[in-house]
């Protein structure tokens, strides 16, 4: 009969996400998790088969705060800009979670780097098409340009390479957006 679990799956994942937030994904080891929970590493493996399984669950759980940021962004008048701002604010306020979710070389099962995989992609494309009277292909290119630009800013902020205020971020996104619209409208269809 297998030993009774000393900690729940949720308690272990919460401890692991807290470790990521504070010290980065590198800190998430069985030994560190055990110490965080006031135990040895053994109870982790009573609930999980291995650390890959732990990291997969950490990825799903770490996505929840990110989704809260995105939900706030979607409420903005210009949803696509709101999501970009939220993405960057997440990188500024939760740099270790951002690096884990969007910059890691691990396979947490939740990394979504390509924008068309994003759950809100269709809704955002539709709002861009309406707002700027773009064709669907133009709206897609606009989104890709601004997403790439936003990811660059977010990465700079998450790594501490640059410090921008949210006002500066807003101005940068506005300027880039205007430039991309001019580019797209100047091209022959």
Foldseek 3Di string as FASTA:
>chain_A
DQDDQPDDLVLLLVLQLVCLQPPANVQDDLQNSQVSVVHGSVSVCSHDVHVLVSLLVNQVVLCVVLVVLLVQLCPDPLSLVSNLLSLLVCCQVRLSSNCSQEVDPRPSVRNDPDLVVDPCNVVNLVSQCVVLVDDSVLSVVLSVQLSVVSVVSSNCNSVVVDDDDSVRVSVVSVVSSVVSSVVSVVDDD
